[in-house]
Amino acid sequence: METDEELMDAVREGSEAAYGTLFERHRAALYGYALRMTRHPESADDVFQETFLRVHRARATWSSHEGSFRSWLFRIATNTVRDRARQAARRPEVLGDAWEPFFHPHHLQRIELERALGELPESLREAFVLTVVLGMDHNEVAAALSISPDNARARVSRARVRLRELLEVS
């Protein structure tokens, strides 16, 4: 099985099959990250598609010497989320309340966690989702967010404290 970095090197050389493999390998995690960051399925779809489009466009600039493909992918995703947030701030839209038809008791805890996660400041939410939900280590998170590993660790810690506070109030 080829590593992500080997596949991305093949993508840089023009391999659409390698691009498809990377897409399949990372689509669930990337979509989950986009959804947790945007909190709207339509926006998450846009971020997801834009991220993979940016990966394809930037394939010539890829270098495995800069770190892991996964960190690079999530740095692109994070920048895409931030770009969309800046664009939305310049032209606000009225969005109806999004609702999900989850009324079963076993979904309530997850709904509360997702709600609390949405209340975190973006910088804490990014670090928390990348570390806890996607399982990245602090070095990968640091590379994805262009911060130091110590800053990544601190953000995750602050996010955990804040989430506990938010979930206790509920």
Protein backbone atom coordinates (compact mmCIF):
# COMPACT_ATOMS: atom_id res chain seq x y z
CA MET A 1 0.00 0.00 0.00
CA GLU A 2 1.40 3.32 -1.06
CA THR A 3 1.74 6.12 1.48
CA ASP A 4 -0.13 9.39 1.04
CA GLU A 5 3.16 11.08 0.25
CA GLU A 6 3.98 8.56 -2.48
CA LEU A 7 0.50 8.98 -3.93
CA MET A 8 0.83 12.76 -3.90
CA ASP A 9 4.18 12.49 -5.65
CA ALA A 10 2.36 10.43 -8.33
CA VAL A 11 -0.39 13.08 -8.50
CA ARG A 12 2.27 15.71 -9.03
CA GLU A 13 3.47 13.63 -11.97
CA GLY A 14 -0.08 13.51 -13.41
CA SER A 15 -1.63 10.33 -11.99
CA GLU A 16 -5.40 10.71 -11.75
CA ALA A 17 -5.64 7.23 -10.18
CA ALA A 18 -3.40 8.34 -7.30
CA TYR A 19 -5.56 11.46 -6.88
CA GLY A 20 -8.65 9.25 -6.72
CA THR A 21 -7.03 7.04 -4.10
CA LEU A 22 -6.15 10.06 -1.95
CA PHE A 23 -9.69 11.37 -2.38
CA GLU A 24 -11.22 8.07 -1.24
CA ARG A 25 -8.75 7.68 1.61
CA HIS A 26 -9.42 11.12 3.13
CA ARG A 27 -12.95 12.05 2.10
CA ALA A 28 -14.76 10.97 5.26
CA ALA A 29 -12.34 12.67 7.64
CA LEU A 30 -12.17 15.82 5.53
CA TYR A 31 -15.95 16.09 5.18
CA GLY A 32 -16.38 15.53 8.92
CA TYR A 33 -13.88 18.29 9.64
CA ALA A 34 -15.57 20.66 7.19
CA LEU A 35 -18.99 19.93 8.69
CA ARG A 36 -17.81 20.52 12.24
CA MET A 37 -16.11 23.76 11.24
CA THR A 38 -18.93 25.22 9.13
CA ARG A 39 -21.89 23.62 10.96
CA HIS A 40 -23.89 23.54 7.72
CA PRO A 41 -23.97 20.56 5.33
CA GLU A 42 -24.12 22.78 2.23
CA SER A 43 -21.11 24.81 3.38
CA ALA A 44 -19.26 21.62 4.31
CA ASP A 45 -19.88 20.27 0.81
CA ASP A 46 -18.44 23.47 -0.67
CA VAL A 47 -15.37 23.40 1.61
CA PHE A 48 -14.82 19.72 0.86
CA GLN A 49 -14.96 20.22 -2.89
CA GLU A 50 -12.89 23.40 -2.81
CA THR A 51 -10.21 21.72 -0.70
CA PHE A 52 -9.73 18.86 -3.14
CA LEU A 53 -9.80 21.29 -6.03
CA ARG A 54 -7.06 23.32 -4.33
CA VAL A 55 -5.05 20.14 -3.74
CA HIS A 56 -5.25 19.36 -7.45
CA ARG A 57 -4.35 22.91 -8.45
CA ALA A 58 -1.42 23.02 -6.00
CA ARG A 59 -0.09 19.56 -6.90
CA ALA A 60 3.00 21.07 -8.54
CA THR A 61 3.96 22.81 -5.29
CA TRP A 62 3.65 19.64 -3.18
CA SER A 63 6.83 18.51 -1.51
CA SER A 64 7.05 15.62 0.92
CA HIS A 65 9.92 17.47 2.60
CA GLU A 66 7.40 19.95 4.05
CA GLY A 67 5.67 17.30 6.17
CA SER A 68 2.89 14.80 5.80
CA PHE A 69 0.27 14.94 3.09
CA ARG A 70 -2.43 14.76 5.76
CA SER A 71 -1.15 17.91 7.48
CA TRP A 72 -0.93 19.67 4.12
CA LEU A 73 -4.47 18.58 3.21
CA PHE A 74 -5.93 19.86 6.47
CA ARG A 75 -3.95 23.12 6.22
CA ILE A 76 -5.64 23.65 2.85
CA ALA A 77 -9.03 22.73 4.37
CA THR A 78 -8.50 25.09 7.31
CA ASN A 79 -7.55 27.93 4.98
CA THR A 80 -10.60 27.17 2.83
CA VAL A 81 -12.89 27.35 5.88
CA ARG A 82 -11.27 30.63 6.94
CA ASP A 83 -11.55 32.10 3.43
CA ARG A 84 -15.26 31.22 3.27
CA ALA A 85 -15.85 32.73 6.71
CA ARG A 86 -14.20 36.00 5.61
CA GLN A 87 -16.31 36.02 2.44
CA ALA A 88 -19.48 35.39 4.42
CA ALA A 89 -18.62 38.20 6.82
CA ARG A 90 -18.37 40.62 3.88
CA ARG A 91 -21.76 39.58 2.52
CA PRO A 92 -23.93 38.14 5.27
CA GLU A 93 -26.82 35.91 4.30
CA VAL A 94 -29.88 34.98 6.24
CA LEU A 95 -29.85 31.24 6.79
CA GLY A 96 -32.80 29.47 8.26
CA ASP A 97 -32.26 27.40 11.36
CA ALA A 98 -30.79 24.12 10.26
CA TRP A 99 -32.46 21.21 11.94
CA GLU A 100 -31.76 17.55 11.86
CA PRO A 101 -34.40 14.89 12.40
CA PHE A 102 -32.59 13.24 15.33
CA PHE A 103 -35.07 12.83 18.12
CA HIS A 104 -33.92 9.46 19.40
CA PRO A 105 -32.47 9.46 22.94
CA HIS A 106 -29.13 7.95 21.84
CA HIS A 107 -28.52 10.98 19.60
CA LEU A 108 -29.06 13.58 22.31
CA GLN A 109 -25.56 13.35 23.77
CA ARG A 110 -23.97 13.71 20.36
CA ILE A 111 -26.22 16.66 19.52
CA GLU A 112 -25.20 18.37 22.76
CA LEU A 113 -21.53 17.76 22.03
CA GLU A 114 -21.88 19.09 18.48
CA ARG A 115 -23.71 22.16 19.82
CA ALA A 116 -20.98 22.79 22.40
CA LEU A 117 -18.30 22.25 19.77
CA GLY A 118 -19.99 24.88 17.62
CA GLU A 119 -19.73 27.38 20.47
CA LEU A 120 -15.96 27.08 20.71
CA PRO A 121 -13.86 29.83 19.14
CA GLU A 122 -12.72 28.74 15.70
CA SER A 123 -9.06 28.36 16.68
CA LEU A 124 -9.94 25.98 19.53
CA ARG A 125 -12.49 24.06 17.43
CA GLU A 126 -9.94 23.55 14.63
CA ALA A 127 -7.31 22.14 16.98
CA PHE A 128 -9.81 19.98 18.89
CA VAL A 129 -11.39 18.42 15.80
CA LEU A 130 -8.04 17.72 14.16
CA THR A 131 -6.62 16.14 17.33
CA VAL A 132 -9.50 14.42 19.07
CA VAL A 133 -11.87 13.63 16.22
CA LEU A 134 -9.38 12.96 13.43
CA GLY A 135 -6.58 11.60 15.61
CA MET A 136 -3.77 13.83 14.42
CA ASP A 137 -0.79 14.29 16.71
CA HIS A 138 0.23 17.76 17.90
CA ASN A 139 2.95 18.04 15.25
CA GLU A 140 0.46 17.30 12.46
CA VAL A 141 -2.04 19.76 13.92
CA ALA A 142 0.70 22.38 14.18
CA ALA A 143 1.58 21.89 10.52
CA ALA A 144 -2.07 21.95 9.45
CA LEU A 145 -2.78 25.19 11.34
CA SER A 146 0.63 26.83 10.84
CA ILE A 147 1.25 27.08 14.59
CA SER A 148 3.78 25.55 16.98
CA PRO A 149 3.21 22.10 18.51
CA ASP A 150 3.06 23.73 21.96
CA ASN A 151 0.37 26.11 20.73
CA ALA A 152 -1.55 23.16 19.24
CA ARG A 153 -1.36 21.31 22.56
CA ALA A 154 -2.51 24.42 24.45
CA ARG A 155 -5.46 24.98 22.11
CA VAL A 156 -6.65 21.41 22.52
CA SER A 157 -6.35 21.70 26.28
CA ARG A 158 -8.31 24.98 26.34
CA ALA A 159 -10.94 23.45 24.05
CA ARG A 160 -11.40 20.49 26.40
CA VAL A 161 -11.79 22.78 29.41
CA ARG A 162 -14.29 24.97 27.57
CA LEU A 163 -16.27 21.97 26.29
CA ARG A 164 -16.55 20.61 29.83
CA GLU A 165 -17.87 23.98 30.97
CA LEU A 166 -20.37 24.18 28.12
CA LEU A 167 -21.59 20.63 28.65
CA GLU A 168 -21.99 21.10 32.42
CA VAL A 169 -24.23 24.12 31.87
CA SER A 170 -26.52 22.23 29.49
